[in-house]
Amino acid sequence: MRLNQVNFSNAKPVDGYGPGFFRIGGAVVTGAVLVSEAGFAPWGGYDDAKALLALAGQIDVILVGTGAEIAPLPADLRRALEEAGLGVEIMNSPAAARTYNVLMAEGRRVAAAMLPV
């Protein structure tokens, strides 16, 4: 089996997660998190549309991790993101973390906003 080193450019990968936290590039972030090539920061959850909308023009798709289970995104938030030209994919947070890492390693313009499990 051949192993290749993954290059995340300036982005930090999601190294892990657990009850109430995420580990991004070795740093532990408690609570919800927003991660992109620009870095990572705590995220205010569904009420914090401003942080997500600030990524318009910088990314093509935002992965929204809804915690341990898949849950619908509030309609007004989804509408605002789509009107800003952001693609939105909803999945549970573990899947969002894995998908973010894969897409970032491929050089895609992606971000992940994730609620803790």
PDB file of N, CA and C in Angstrom:
ATOM      1  N   MET A   1       0.841  -1.163   0.000  1.00  0.00           N
ATOM      2  CA  MET A   1       0.000   0.000   0.000  1.00  0.00           C
ATOM      3  C   MET A   1       0.894   1.236   0.000  1.00  0.00           C
ATOM      4  N   ARG A   2       0.558   2.197  -0.851  1.00  0.00           N
ATOM      5  CA  ARG A   2       1.328   3.425  -0.948  1.00  0.00           C
ATOM      6  C   ARG A   2       0.636   4.517  -0.151  1.00  0.00           C
ATOM      7  N   LEU A   3       1.369   5.209   0.714  1.00  0.00           N
ATOM      8  CA  LEU A   3       0.831   6.305   1.500  1.00  0.00           C
ATOM      9  C   LEU A   3       1.365   7.615   0.958  1.00  0.00           C
ATOM     10  N   ASN A   4       0.514   8.587   0.852  1.00  0.00           N
ATOM     11  CA  ASN A   4       0.909   9.915   0.384  1.00  0.00           C
ATOM     12  C   ASN A   4       0.654  10.929   1.483  1.00  0.00           C
ATOM     13  N   GLN A   5       1.563  11.864   1.611  1.00  0.00           N
ATOM     14  CA  GLN A   5       1.356  12.951   2.559  1.00  0.00           C
ATOM     15  C   GLN A   5       0.335  13.916   1.978  1.00  0.00           C
ATOM     16  N   VAL A   6      -0.606  14.336   2.800  1.00  0.00           N
ATOM     17  CA  VAL A   6      -1.634  15.270   2.366  1.00  0.00           C
ATOM     18  C   VAL A   6      -1.159  16.682   2.653  1.00  0.00           C
ATOM     19  N   ASN A   7      -1.269  17.557   1.642  1.00  0.00           N
ATOM     20  CA  ASN A   7      -0.889  18.956   1.803  1.00  0.00           C
ATOM     21  C   ASN A   7      -2.157  19.793   1.902  1.00  0.00           C
ATOM     22  N   PHE A   8      -2.371  20.431   3.040  1.00  0.00           N
ATOM     23  CA  PHE A   8      -3.544  21.257   3.249  1.00  0.00           C
ATOM     24  C   PHE A   8      -3.255  22.728   2.983  1.00  0.00           C
ATOM     25  N   SER A   9      -2.165  23.065   2.310  1.00  0.00           N
ATOM     26  CA  SER A   9      -1.726  24.437   2.075  1.00  0.00           C
ATOM     27  C   SER A   9      -1.713  25.175   3.416  1.00  0.00           C
ATOM     28  N   ASN A  10      -2.385  26.294   3.513  1.00  0.00           N
ATOM     29  CA  ASN A  10      -2.422  27.049   4.771  1.00  0.00           C
ATOM     30  C   ASN A  10      -3.528  26.574   5.705  1.00  0.00           C
ATOM     31  N   ALA A  11      -4.413  25.750   5.200  1.00  0.00           N
ATOM     32  CA  ALA A  11      -5.567  25.309   5.985  1.00  0.00           C
ATOM     33  C   ALA A  11      -5.151  24.307   7.048  1.00  0.00           C
ATOM     34  N   LYS A  12      -5.917  24.277   8.117  1.00  0.00           N
ATOM     35  CA  LYS A  12      -5.701  23.310   9.186  1.00  0.00           C
ATOM     36  C   LYS A  12      -6.760  22.225   9.071  1.00  0.00           C
ATOM     37  N   PRO A  13      -6.368  20.962   9.098  1.00  0.00           N
ATOM     38  CA  PRO A  13      -7.355  19.885   9.022  1.00  0.00           C
ATOM     39  C   PRO A  13      -8.080  19.698  10.353  1.00  0.00           C
ATOM     40  N   VAL A  14      -9.227  19.080  10.280  1.00  0.00           N
ATOM     41  CA  VAL A  14      -9.945  18.677  11.485  1.00  0.00           C
ATOM     42  C   VAL A  14      -9.314  17.361  11.917  1.00  0.00           C
ATOM     43  N   ASP A  15      -8.573  17.418  13.025  1.00  0.00           N
ATOM     44  CA  ASP A  15      -7.849  16.243  13.519  1.00  0.00           C
ATOM     45  C   ASP A  15      -8.736  15.305  14.321  1.00  0.00           C
ATOM     46  N   GLY A  16      -9.765  15.850  14.939  1.00  0.00           N
ATOM     47  CA  GLY A  16     -10.610  15.016  15.780  1.00  0.00           C
ATOM     48  C   GLY A  16     -11.767  15.810  16.352  1.00  0.00           C
ATOM     49  N   TYR A  17     -12.632  15.100  17.032  1.00  0.00           N
ATOM     50  CA  TYR A  17     -13.798  15.722  17.670  1.00  0.00           C
ATOM     51  C   TYR A  17     -14.259  14.801  18.785  1.00  0.00           C
ATOM     52  N   GLY A  18     -15.036  15.355  19.680  1.00  0.00           N
ATOM     53  CA  GLY A  18     -15.588  14.585  20.782  1.00  0.00           C
ATOM     54  C   GLY A  18     -16.726  15.361  21.404  1.00  0.00           C
ATOM     55  N   PRO A  19     -17.217  14.904  22.521  1.00  0.00           N
ATOM     56  CA  PRO A  19     -18.355  15.589  23.143  1.00  0.00           C
ATOM     57  C   PRO A  19     -18.018  17.052  23.461  1.00  0.00           C
ATOM     58  N   GLY A  20     -18.580  17.966  22.677  1.00  0.00           N
ATOM     59  CA  GLY A  20     -18.423  19.387  22.962  1.00  0.00           C
ATOM     60  C   GLY A  20     -17.184  20.053  22.408  1.00  0.00           C
ATOM     61  N   PHE A  21     -16.344  19.356  21.629  1.00  0.00           N
ATOM     62  CA  PHE A  21     -15.122  19.992  21.130  1.00  0.00           C
ATOM     63  C   PHE A  21     -14.723  19.457  19.755  1.00  0.00           C
ATOM     64  N   PHE A  22     -13.847  20.231  19.105  1.00  0.00           N
ATOM     65  CA  PHE A  22     -13.179  19.826  17.868  1.00  0.00           C
ATOM     66  C   PHE A  22     -11.694  20.083  18.054  1.00  0.00           C
ATOM     67  N   ARG A  23     -10.858  19.304  17.384  1.00  0.00           N
ATOM     68  CA  ARG A  23      -9.413  19.551  17.363  1.00  0.00           C
ATOM     69  C   ARG A  23      -9.060  19.924  15.923  1.00  0.00           C
ATOM     70  N   ILE A  24      -8.603  21.153  15.735  1.00  0.00           N
ATOM     71  CA  ILE A  24      -8.290  21.689  14.412  1.00  0.00           C
ATOM     72  C   ILE A  24      -6.798  21.987  14.354  1.00  0.00           C
ATOM     73  N   GLY A  25      -6.074  21.273  13.513  1.00  0.00           N
ATOM     74  CA  GLY A  25      -4.638  21.492  13.404  1.00  0.00           C
ATOM     75  C   GLY A  25      -3.924  21.379  14.732  1.00  0.00           C
ATOM     76  N   GLY A  26      -4.415  20.517  15.614  1.00  0.00           N
ATOM     77  CA  GLY A  26      -3.814  20.297  16.920  1.00  0.00           C
ATOM     78  C   GLY A  26      -4.379  21.165  18.030  1.00  0.00           C
ATOM     79  N   ALA A  27      -5.123  22.204  17.701  1.00  0.00           N
ATOM     80  CA  ALA A  27      -5.707  23.103  18.716  1.00  0.00           C
ATOM     81  C   ALA A  27      -7.128  22.654  19.044  1.00  0.00           C
ATOM     82  N   VAL A  28      -7.468  22.678  20.305  1.00  0.00           N
ATOM     83  CA  VAL A  28      -8.808  22.285  20.746  1.00  0.00           C
ATOM     84  C   VAL A  28      -9.718  23.516  20.780  1.00  0.00           C
ATOM     85  N   VAL A  29     -10.885  23.382  20.143  1.00  0.00           N
ATOM     86  CA  VAL A  29     -11.898  24.432  20.127  1.00  0.00           C
ATOM     87  C   VAL A  29     -13.155  23.837  20.748  1.00  0.00           C
ATOM     88  N   THR A  30     -13.634  24.448  21.828  1.00  0.00           N
ATOM     89  CA  THR A  30     -14.861  23.951  22.443  1.00  0.00           C
ATOM     90  C   THR A  30     -16.066  24.613  21.790  1.00  0.00           C
ATOM     91  N   GLY A  31     -17.132  23.864  21.695  1.00  0.00           N
ATOM     92  CA  GLY A  31     -18.357  24.378  21.087  1.00  0.00           C
ATOM     93  C   GLY A  31     -18.306  24.310  19.578  1.00  0.00           C
ATOM     94  N   ALA A  32     -19.214  25.044  18.959  1.00  0.00           N
ATOM     95  CA  ALA A  32     -19.310  25.061  17.500  1.00  0.00           C
ATOM     96  C   ALA A  32     -18.104  25.775  16.897  1.00  0.00           C
ATOM     97  N   VAL A  33     -17.735  25.364  15.671  1.00  0.00           N
ATOM     98  CA  VAL A  33     -16.536  25.908  15.032  1.00  0.00           C
ATOM     99  C   VAL A  33     -16.804  26.163  13.549  1.00  0.00           C
ATOM    100  N   LEU A  34     -16.134  27.178  13.022  1.00  0.00           N
ATOM    101  CA  LEU A  34     -16.132  27.479  11.596  1.00  0.00           C
ATOM    102  C   LEU A  34     -14.693  27.361  11.126  1.00  0.00           C
ATOM    103  N   VAL A  35     -14.472  26.527  10.122  1.00  0.00           N
ATOM    104  CA  VAL A  35     -13.112  26.281   9.644  1.00  0.00           C
ATOM    105  C   VAL A  35     -13.075  26.427   8.123  1.00  0.00           C
ATOM    106  N   SER A  36     -12.021  27.103   7.647  1.00  0.00           N
ATOM    107  CA  SER A  36     -11.796  27.283   6.210  1.00  0.00           C
ATOM    108  C   SER A  36     -10.295  27.438   5.997  1.00  0.00           C
ATOM    109  N   GLU A  37      -9.912  27.658   4.755  1.00  0.00           N
ATOM    110  CA  GLU A  37      -8.489  27.845   4.483  1.00  0.00           C
ATOM    111  C   GLU A  37      -7.940  29.064   5.224  1.00  0.00           C
ATOM    112  N   ALA A  38      -8.800  30.034   5.497  1.00  0.00           N
ATOM    113  CA  ALA A  38      -8.373  31.251   6.197  1.00  0.00           C
ATOM    114  C   ALA A  38      -8.081  31.003   7.672  1.00  0.00           C
ATOM    115  N   GLY A  39      -8.537  29.882   8.210  1.00  0.00           N
ATOM    116  CA  GLY A  39      -8.311  29.567   9.615  1.00  0.00           C
ATOM    117  C   GLY A  39      -9.552  28.984  10.258  1.00  0.00           C
ATOM    118  N   PHE A  40      -9.614  29.089  11.575  1.00  0.00           N
ATOM    119  CA  PHE A  40     -10.773  28.560  12.288  1.00  0.00           C
ATOM    120  C   PHE A  40     -11.101  29.479  13.453  1.00  0.00           C
ATOM    121  N   ALA A  41     -12.372  29.432  13.836  1.00  0.00           N
ATOM    122  CA  ALA A  41     -12.832  30.283  14.929  1.00  0.00           C
ATOM    123  C   ALA A  41     -14.094  29.683  15.518  1.00  0.00           C
ATOM    124  N   PRO A  42     -14.396  30.006  16.765  1.00  0.00           N
ATOM    125  CA  PRO A  42     -15.686  29.583  17.310  1.00  0.00           C
ATOM    126  C   PRO A  42     -16.806  30.139  16.434  1.00  0.00           C
ATOM    127  N   TRP A  43     -17.895  29.390  16.337  1.00  0.00           N
ATOM    128  CA  TRP A  43     -19.041  29.786  15.518  1.00  0.00           C
ATOM    129  C   TRP A  43     -20.261  29.864  16.421  1.00  0.00           C
ATOM    130  N   GLY A  44     -21.096  30.847  16.224  1.00  0.00           N
ATOM    131  CA  GLY A  44     -22.274  31.071  17.054  1.00  0.00           C
ATOM    132  C   GLY A  44     -23.473  30.215  16.711  1.00  0.00           C
ATOM    133  N   GLY A  45     -23.311  29.214  15.879  1.00  0.00           N
ATOM    134  CA  GLY A  45     -24.415  28.332  15.516  1.00  0.00           C
ATOM    135  C   GLY A  45     -25.337  28.979  14.491  1.00  0.00           C
ATOM    136  N   TYR A  46     -26.529  28.450  14.386  1.00  0.00           N
ATOM    137  CA  TYR A  46     -27.470  28.890  13.355  1.00  0.00           C
ATOM    138  C   TYR A  46     -27.789  30.380  13.429  1.00  0.00           C
ATOM    139  N   ASP A  47     -27.646  30.997  14.581  1.00  0.00           N
ATOM    140  CA  ASP A  47     -27.922  32.428  14.718  1.00  0.00           C
ATOM    141  C   ASP A  47     -26.773  33.302  14.212  1.00  0.00           C
ATOM    142  N   ASP A  48     -25.649  32.702  13.850  1.00  0.00           N
ATOM    143  CA  ASP A  48     -24.471  33.441  13.413  1.00  0.00           C
ATOM    144  C   ASP A  48     -24.302  33.357  11.899  1.00  0.00           C
ATOM    145  N   ALA A  49     -25.290  33.852  11.158  1.00  0.00           N
ATOM    146  CA  ALA A  49     -25.220  33.842   9.695  1.00  0.00           C
ATOM    147  C   ALA A  49     -24.124  34.768   9.185  1.00  0.00           C
ATOM    148  N   LYS A  50     -23.849  35.834   9.917  1.00  0.00           N
ATOM    149  CA  LYS A  50     -22.865  36.831   9.470  1.00  0.00           C
ATOM    150  C   LYS A  50     -21.492  36.193   9.207  1.00  0.00           C
ATOM    151  N   ALA A  51     -21.062  35.310  10.089  1.00  0.00           N
ATOM    152  CA  ALA A  51     -19.760  34.657   9.921  1.00  0.00           C
ATOM    153  C   ALA A  51     -19.726  33.813   8.647  1.00  0.00           C
ATOM    154  N   LEU A  52     -20.832  33.156   8.352  1.00  0.00           N
ATOM    155  CA  LEU A  52     -20.896  32.318   7.151  1.00  0.00           C
ATOM    156  C   LEU A  52     -20.977  33.173   5.891  1.00  0.00           C
ATOM    157  N   LEU A  53     -21.793  34.212   5.926  1.00  0.00           N
ATOM    158  CA  LEU A  53     -21.951  35.088   4.766  1.00  0.00           C
ATOM    159  C   LEU A  53     -20.663  35.831   4.435  1.00  0.00           C
ATOM    160  N   ALA A  54     -19.805  36.046   5.421  1.00  0.00           N
ATOM    161  CA  ALA A  54     -18.515  36.711   5.183  1.00  0.00           C
ATOM    162  C   ALA A  54     -17.619  35.885   4.271  1.00  0.00           C
ATOM    163  N   LEU A  55     -17.917  34.597   4.104  1.00  0.00           N
ATOM    164  CA  LEU A  55     -17.111  33.723   3.254  1.00  0.00           C
ATOM    165  C   LEU A  55     -17.519  33.773   1.779  1.00  0.00           C
ATOM    166  N   ALA A  56     -18.614  34.469   1.467  1.00  0.00           N
ATOM    167  CA  ALA A  56     -19.077  34.570   0.080  1.00  0.00           C
ATOM    168  C   ALA A  56     -17.961  35.131  -0.793  1.00  0.00           C
ATOM    169  N   GLY A  57     -17.752  34.489  -1.925  1.00  0.00           N
ATOM    170  CA  GLY A  57     -16.687  34.893  -2.835  1.00  0.00           C
ATOM    171  C   GLY A  57     -15.358  34.226  -2.552  1.00  0.00           C
ATOM    172  N   GLN A  58     -15.186  33.709  -1.340  1.00  0.00           N
ATOM    173  CA  GLN A  58     -13.940  33.033  -0.967  1.00  0.00           C
ATOM    174  C   GLN A  58     -14.049  31.523  -1.090  1.00  0.00           C
ATOM    175  N   ILE A  59     -15.290  31.002  -0.954  1.00  0.00           N
ATOM    176  CA  ILE A  59     -15.509  29.556  -1.020  1.00  0.00           C
ATOM    177  C   ILE A  59     -16.672  29.276  -1.964  1.00  0.00           C
ATOM    178  N   ASP A  60     -16.770  28.031  -2.399  1.00  0.00           N
ATOM    179  CA  ASP A  60     -17.872  27.612  -3.265  1.00  0.00           C
ATOM    180  C   ASP A  60     -18.953  26.879  -2.496  1.00  0.00           C
ATOM    181  N   VAL A  61     -18.551  26.164  -1.464  1.00  0.00           N
ATOM    182  CA  VAL A  61     -19.517  25.361  -0.709  1.00  0.00           C
ATOM    183  C   VAL A  61     -19.179  25.409   0.768  1.00  0.00           C
ATOM    184  N   ILE A  62     -20.237  25.426   1.569  1.00  0.00           N
ATOM    185  CA  ILE A  62     -20.066  25.341   3.012  1.00  0.00           C
ATOM    186  C   ILE A  62     -20.752  24.077   3.494  1.00  0.00           C
ATOM    187  N   LEU A  63     -20.009  23.273   4.234  1.00  0.00           N
ATOM    188  CA  LEU A  63     -20.535  22.051   4.827  1.00  0.00           C
ATOM    189  C   LEU A  63     -21.045  22.413   6.212  1.00  0.00           C
ATOM    190  N   VAL A  64     -22.299  22.130   6.475  1.00  0.00           N
ATOM    191  CA  VAL A  64     -22.863  22.441   7.785  1.00  0.00           C
ATOM    192  C   VAL A  64     -23.049  21.128   8.537  1.00  0.00           C
ATOM    193  N   GLY A  65     -22.270  20.971   9.600  1.00  0.00           N
ATOM    194  CA  GLY A  65     -22.370  19.802  10.467  1.00  0.00           C
ATOM    195  C   GLY A  65     -23.377  20.090  11.565  1.00  0.00           C
ATOM    196  N   THR A  66     -24.430  19.305  11.628  1.00  0.00           N
ATOM    197  CA  THR A  66     -25.545  19.570  12.534  1.00  0.00           C
ATOM    198  C   THR A  66     -25.439  18.815  13.857  1.00  0.00           C
ATOM    199  N   GLY A  67     -24.248  18.409  14.232  1.00  0.00           N
ATOM    200  CA  GLY A  67     -24.064  17.672  15.480  1.00  0.00           C
ATOM    201  C   GLY A  67     -24.003  16.178  15.223  1.00  0.00           C
ATOM    202  N   ALA A  68     -24.456  15.398  16.192  1.00  0.00           N
ATOM    203  CA  ALA A  68     -24.376  13.940  16.077  1.00  0.00           C
ATOM    204  C   ALA A  68     -25.325  13.374  15.028  1.00  0.00           C
ATOM    205  N   GLU A  69     -26.428  14.053  14.793  1.00  0.00           N
ATOM    206  CA  GLU A  69     -27.438  13.587  13.840  1.00  0.00           C
ATOM    207  C   GLU A  69     -27.671  14.650  12.774  1.00  0.00           C
ATOM    208  N   ILE A  70     -28.114  14.214  11.604  1.00  0.00           N
ATOM    209  CA  ILE A  70     -28.482  15.153  10.550  1.00  0.00           C
ATOM    210  C   ILE A  70     -29.786  15.830  10.948  1.00  0.00           C
ATOM    211  N   ALA A  71     -29.818  17.142  10.787  1.00  0.00           N
ATOM    212  CA  ALA A  71     -31.011  17.927  11.101  1.00  0.00           C
ATOM    213  C   ALA A  71     -31.165  18.996  10.029  1.00  0.00           C
ATOM    214  N   PRO A  72     -32.379  19.433   9.767  1.00  0.00           N
ATOM    215  CA  PRO A  72     -32.565  20.467   8.751  1.00  0.00           C
ATOM    216  C   PRO A  72     -31.977  21.805   9.205  1.00  0.00           C
ATOM    217  N   LEU A  73     -31.517  22.554   8.236  1.00  0.00           N
ATOM    218  CA  LEU A  73     -31.010  23.903   8.474  1.00  0.00           C
ATOM    219  C   LEU A  73     -32.205  24.850   8.496  1.00  0.00           C
ATOM    220  N   PRO A  74     -32.214  25.830   9.397  1.00  0.00           N
ATOM    221  CA  PRO A  74     -33.321  26.799   9.364  1.00  0.00           C
ATOM    222  C   PRO A  74     -33.467  27.401   7.961  1.00  0.00           C
ATOM    223  N   ALA A  75     -34.709  27.485   7.482  1.00  0.00           N
ATOM    224  CA  ALA A  75     -34.973  27.914   6.107  1.00  0.00           C
ATOM    225  C   ALA A  75     -34.406  29.294   5.808  1.00  0.00           C
ATOM    226  N   ASP A  76     -34.507  30.231   6.742  1.00  0.00           N
ATOM    227  CA  ASP A  76     -33.993  31.582   6.483  1.00  0.00           C
ATOM    228  C   ASP A  76     -32.476  31.593   6.360  1.00  0.00           C
ATOM    229  N   LEU A  77     -31.781  30.755   7.119  1.00  0.00           N
ATOM    230  CA  LEU A  77     -30.327  30.664   7.019  1.00  0.00           C
ATOM    231  C   LEU A  77     -29.935  30.061   5.674  1.00  0.00           C
ATOM    232  N   ARG A  78     -30.573  28.967   5.286  1.00  0.00           N
ATOM    233  CA  ARG A  78     -30.272  28.335   3.996  1.00  0.00           C
ATOM    234  C   ARG A  78     -30.515  29.333   2.854  1.00  0.00           C
ATOM    235  N   ARG A  79     -31.614  30.030   2.902  1.00  0.00           N
ATOM    236  CA  ARG A  79     -31.957  30.993   1.853  1.00  0.00           C
ATOM    237  C   ARG A  79     -30.889  32.101   1.768  1.00  0.00           C
ATOM    238  N   ALA A  80     -30.469  32.625   2.907  1.00  0.00           N
ATOM    239  CA  ALA A  80     -29.458  33.687   2.924  1.00  0.00           C
ATOM    240  C   ALA A  80     -28.135  33.199   2.335  1.00  0.00           C
ATOM    241  N   LEU A  81     -27.730  31.982   2.672  1.00  0.00           N
ATOM    242  CA  LEU A  81     -26.477  31.433   2.150  1.00  0.00           C
ATOM    243  C   LEU A  81     -26.556  31.230   0.643  1.00  0.00           C
ATOM    244  N   GLU A  82     -27.670  30.667   0.181  1.00  0.00           N
ATOM    245  CA  GLU A  82     -27.824  30.423  -1.249  1.00  0.00           C
ATOM    246  C   GLU A  82     -27.914  31.724  -2.035  1.00  0.00           C
ATOM    247  N   GLU A  83     -28.582  32.730  -1.486  1.00  0.00           N
ATOM    248  CA  GLU A  83     -28.667  34.033  -2.161  1.00  0.00           C
ATOM    249  C   GLU A  83     -27.296  34.708  -2.251  1.00  0.00           C
ATOM    250  N   ALA A  84     -26.410  34.383  -1.321  1.00  0.00           N
ATOM    251  CA  ALA A  84     -25.048  34.921  -1.349  1.00  0.00           C
ATOM    252  C   ALA A  84     -24.137  34.141  -2.296  1.00  0.00           C
ATOM    253  N   GLY A  85     -24.679  33.108  -2.944  1.00  0.00           N
ATOM    254  CA  GLY A  85     -23.899  32.323  -3.888  1.00  0.00           C
ATOM    255  C   GLY A  85     -23.122  31.182  -3.272  1.00  0.00           C
ATOM    256  N   LEU A  86     -23.448  30.838  -2.043  1.00  0.00           N
ATOM    257  CA  LEU A  86     -22.759  29.744  -1.367  1.00  0.00           C
ATOM    258  C   LEU A  86     -23.555  28.447  -1.518  1.00  0.00           C
ATOM    259  N   GLY A  87     -22.884  27.404  -1.975  1.00  0.00           N
ATOM    260  CA  GLY A  87     -23.503  26.088  -1.967  1.00  0.00           C
ATOM    261  C   GLY A  87     -23.549  25.597  -0.532  1.00  0.00           C
ATOM    262  N   VAL A  88     -24.603  24.895  -0.172  1.00  0.00           N
ATOM    263  CA  VAL A  88     -24.781  24.424   1.203  1.00  0.00           C
ATOM    264  C   VAL A  88     -25.012  22.925   1.188  1.00  0.00           C
ATOM    265  N   GLU A  89     -24.235  22.202   1.972  1.00  0.00           N
ATOM    266  CA  GLU A  89     -24.411  20.762   2.144  1.00  0.00           C
ATOM    267  C   GLU A  89     -24.597  20.476   3.623  1.00  0.00           C
ATOM    268  N   ILE A  90     -25.673  19.804   3.964  1.00  0.00           N
ATOM    269  CA  ILE A  90     -25.996  19.484   5.353  1.00  0.00           C
ATOM    270  C   ILE A  90     -25.634  18.027   5.623  1.00  0.00           C
ATOM    271  N   MET A  91     -24.974  17.782   6.741  1.00  0.00           N
ATOM    272  CA  MET A  91     -24.615  16.423   7.158  1.00  0.00           C
ATOM    273  C   MET A  91     -24.318  16.452   8.651  1.00  0.00           C
ATOM    274  N   ASN A  92     -24.152  15.293   9.259  1.00  0.00           N
ATOM    275  CA  ASN A  92     -23.778  15.315  10.670  1.00  0.00           C
ATOM    276  C   ASN A  92     -22.332  15.817  10.782  1.00  0.00           C
ATOM    277  N   SER A  93     -21.948  16.258  11.951  1.00  0.00           N
ATOM    278  CA  SER A  93     -20.626  16.878  12.114  1.00  0.00           C
ATOM    279  C   SER A  93     -19.458  15.937  11.843  1.00  0.00           C
ATOM    280  N   PRO A  94     -19.519  14.650  12.252  1.00  0.00           N
ATOM    281  CA  PRO A  94     -18.402  13.770  11.884  1.00  0.00           C
ATOM    282  C   PRO A  94     -18.207  13.666  10.373  1.00  0.00           C
ATOM    283  N   ALA A  95     -19.303  13.560   9.619  1.00  0.00           N
ATOM    284  CA  ALA A  95     -19.195  13.491   8.159  1.00  0.00           C
ATOM    285  C   ALA A  95     -18.695  14.818   7.596  1.00  0.00           C
ATOM    286  N   ALA A  96     -19.128  15.931   8.161  1.00  0.00           N
ATOM    287  CA  ALA A  96     -18.672  17.240   7.696  1.00  0.00           C
ATOM    288  C   ALA A  96     -17.168  17.399   7.907  1.00  0.00           C
ATOM    289  N   ALA A  97     -16.673  16.928   9.037  1.00  0.00           N
ATOM    290  CA  ALA A  97     -15.236  17.021   9.315  1.00  0.00           C
ATOM    291  C   ALA A  97     -14.433  16.198   8.310  1.00  0.00           C
ATOM    292  N   ARG A  98     -14.858  14.984   8.063  1.00  0.00           N
ATOM    293  CA  ARG A  98     -14.150  14.125   7.103  1.00  0.00           C
ATOM    294  C   ARG A  98     -14.211  14.705   5.691  1.00  0.00           C
ATOM    295  N   THR A  99     -15.395  15.150   5.294  1.00  0.00           N
ATOM    296  CA  THR A  99     -15.573  15.694   3.948  1.00  0.00           C
ATOM    297  C   THR A  99     -14.756  16.968   3.776  1.00  0.00           C
ATOM    298  N   TYR A 100     -14.736  17.811   4.787  1.00  0.00           N
ATOM    299  CA  TYR A 100     -13.925  19.027   4.735  1.00  0.00           C
ATOM    300  C   TYR A 100     -12.457  18.677   4.484  1.00  0.00           C
ATOM    301  N   ASN A 101     -11.933  17.727   5.231  1.00  0.00           N
ATOM    302  CA  ASN A 101     -10.526  17.348   5.065  1.00  0.00           C
ATOM    303  C   ASN A 101     -10.231  16.861   3.646  1.00  0.00           C
ATOM    304  N   VAL A 102     -11.112  16.029   3.106  1.00  0.00           N
ATOM    305  CA  VAL A 102     -10.907  15.489   1.753  1.00  0.00           C
ATOM    306  C   VAL A 102     -10.951  16.608   0.720  1.00  0.00           C
ATOM    307  N   LEU A 103     -11.971  17.457   0.785  1.00  0.00           N
ATOM    308  CA  LEU A 103     -12.107  18.527  -0.198  1.00  0.00           C
ATOM    309  C   LEU A 103     -10.979  19.547  -0.080  1.00  0.00           C
ATOM    310  N   MET A 104     -10.572  19.862   1.133  1.00  0.00           N
ATOM    311  CA  MET A 104      -9.474  20.805   1.329  1.00  0.00           C
ATOM    312  C   MET A 104      -8.177  20.221   0.766  1.00  0.00           C
ATOM    313  N   ALA A 105      -7.953  18.927   0.975  1.00  0.00           N
ATOM    314  CA  ALA A 105      -6.747  18.294   0.444  1.00  0.00           C
ATOM    315  C   ALA A 105      -6.735  18.299  -1.081  1.00  0.00           C
ATOM    316  N   GLU A 106      -7.919  18.318  -1.686  1.00  0.00           N
ATOM    317  CA  GLU A 106      -8.022  18.390  -3.144  1.00  0.00           C
ATOM    318  C   GLU A 106      -7.891  19.821  -3.663  1.00  0.00           C
ATOM    319  N   GLY A 107      -7.733  20.780  -2.766  1.00  0.00           N
ATOM    320  CA  GLY A 107      -7.579  22.163  -3.161  1.00  0.00           C
ATOM    321  C   GLY A 107      -8.894  22.867  -3.451  1.00  0.00           C
ATOM    322  N   ARG A 108      -9.994  22.326  -2.977  1.00  0.00           N
ATOM    323  CA  ARG A 108     -11.309  22.932  -3.205  1.00  0.00           C
ATOM    324  C   ARG A 108     -11.516  24.146  -2.313  1.00  0.00           C
ATOM    325  N   ARG A 109     -12.388  25.032  -2.738  1.00  0.00           N
ATOM    326  CA  ARG A 109     -12.745  26.221  -1.957  1.00  0.00           C
ATOM    327  C   ARG A 109     -13.941  25.852  -1.081  1.00  0.00           C
ATOM    328  N   VAL A 110     -13.645  25.394   0.136  1.00  0.00           N
ATOM    329  CA  VAL A 110     -14.658  24.838   1.018  1.00  0.00           C
ATOM    330  C   VAL A 110     -14.471  25.347   2.440  1.00  0.00           C
ATOM    331  N   ALA A 111     -15.561  25.368   3.177  1.00  0.00           N
ATOM    332  CA  ALA A 111     -15.529  25.684   4.609  1.00  0.00           C
ATOM    333  C   ALA A 111     -16.477  24.711   5.297  1.00  0.00           C
ATOM    334  N   ALA A 112     -16.306  24.574   6.593  1.00  0.00           N
ATOM    335  CA  ALA A 112     -17.211  23.737   7.392  1.00  0.00           C
ATOM    336  C   ALA A 112     -17.611  24.515   8.651  1.00  0.00           C
ATOM    337  N   ALA A 113     -18.893  24.552   8.880  1.00  0.00           N
ATOM    338  CA  ALA A 113     -19.450  25.119  10.102  1.00  0.00           C
ATOM    339  C   ALA A 113     -20.091  23.949  10.851  1.00  0.00           C
ATOM    340  N   MET A 114     -19.566  23.649  12.031  1.00  0.00           N
ATOM    341  CA  MET A 114     -19.981  22.410  12.691  1.00  0.00           C
ATOM    342  C   MET A 114     -20.408  22.632  14.129  1.00  0.00           C
ATOM    343  N   LEU A 115     -21.548  22.045  14.463  1.00  0.00           N
ATOM    344  CA  LEU A 115     -22.004  21.989  15.842  1.00  0.00           C
ATOM    345  C   LEU A 115     -21.364  20.767  16.487  1.00  0.00           C
ATOM    346  N   PRO A 116     -21.027  20.834  17.762  1.00  0.00           N
ATOM    347  CA  PRO A 116     -20.371  19.688  18.409  1.00  0.00           C
ATOM    348  C   PRO A 116     -21.308  18.501  18.540  1.00  0.00           C
ATOM    349  N   VAL A 117     -20.701  17.327  18.641  1.00  0.00           N
ATOM    350  CA  VAL A 117     -21.468  16.088  18.870  1.00  0.00           C
ATOM    351  C   VAL A 117     -21.761  15.944  20.332  1.00  0.00           C
TER     352      VAL A 117
END
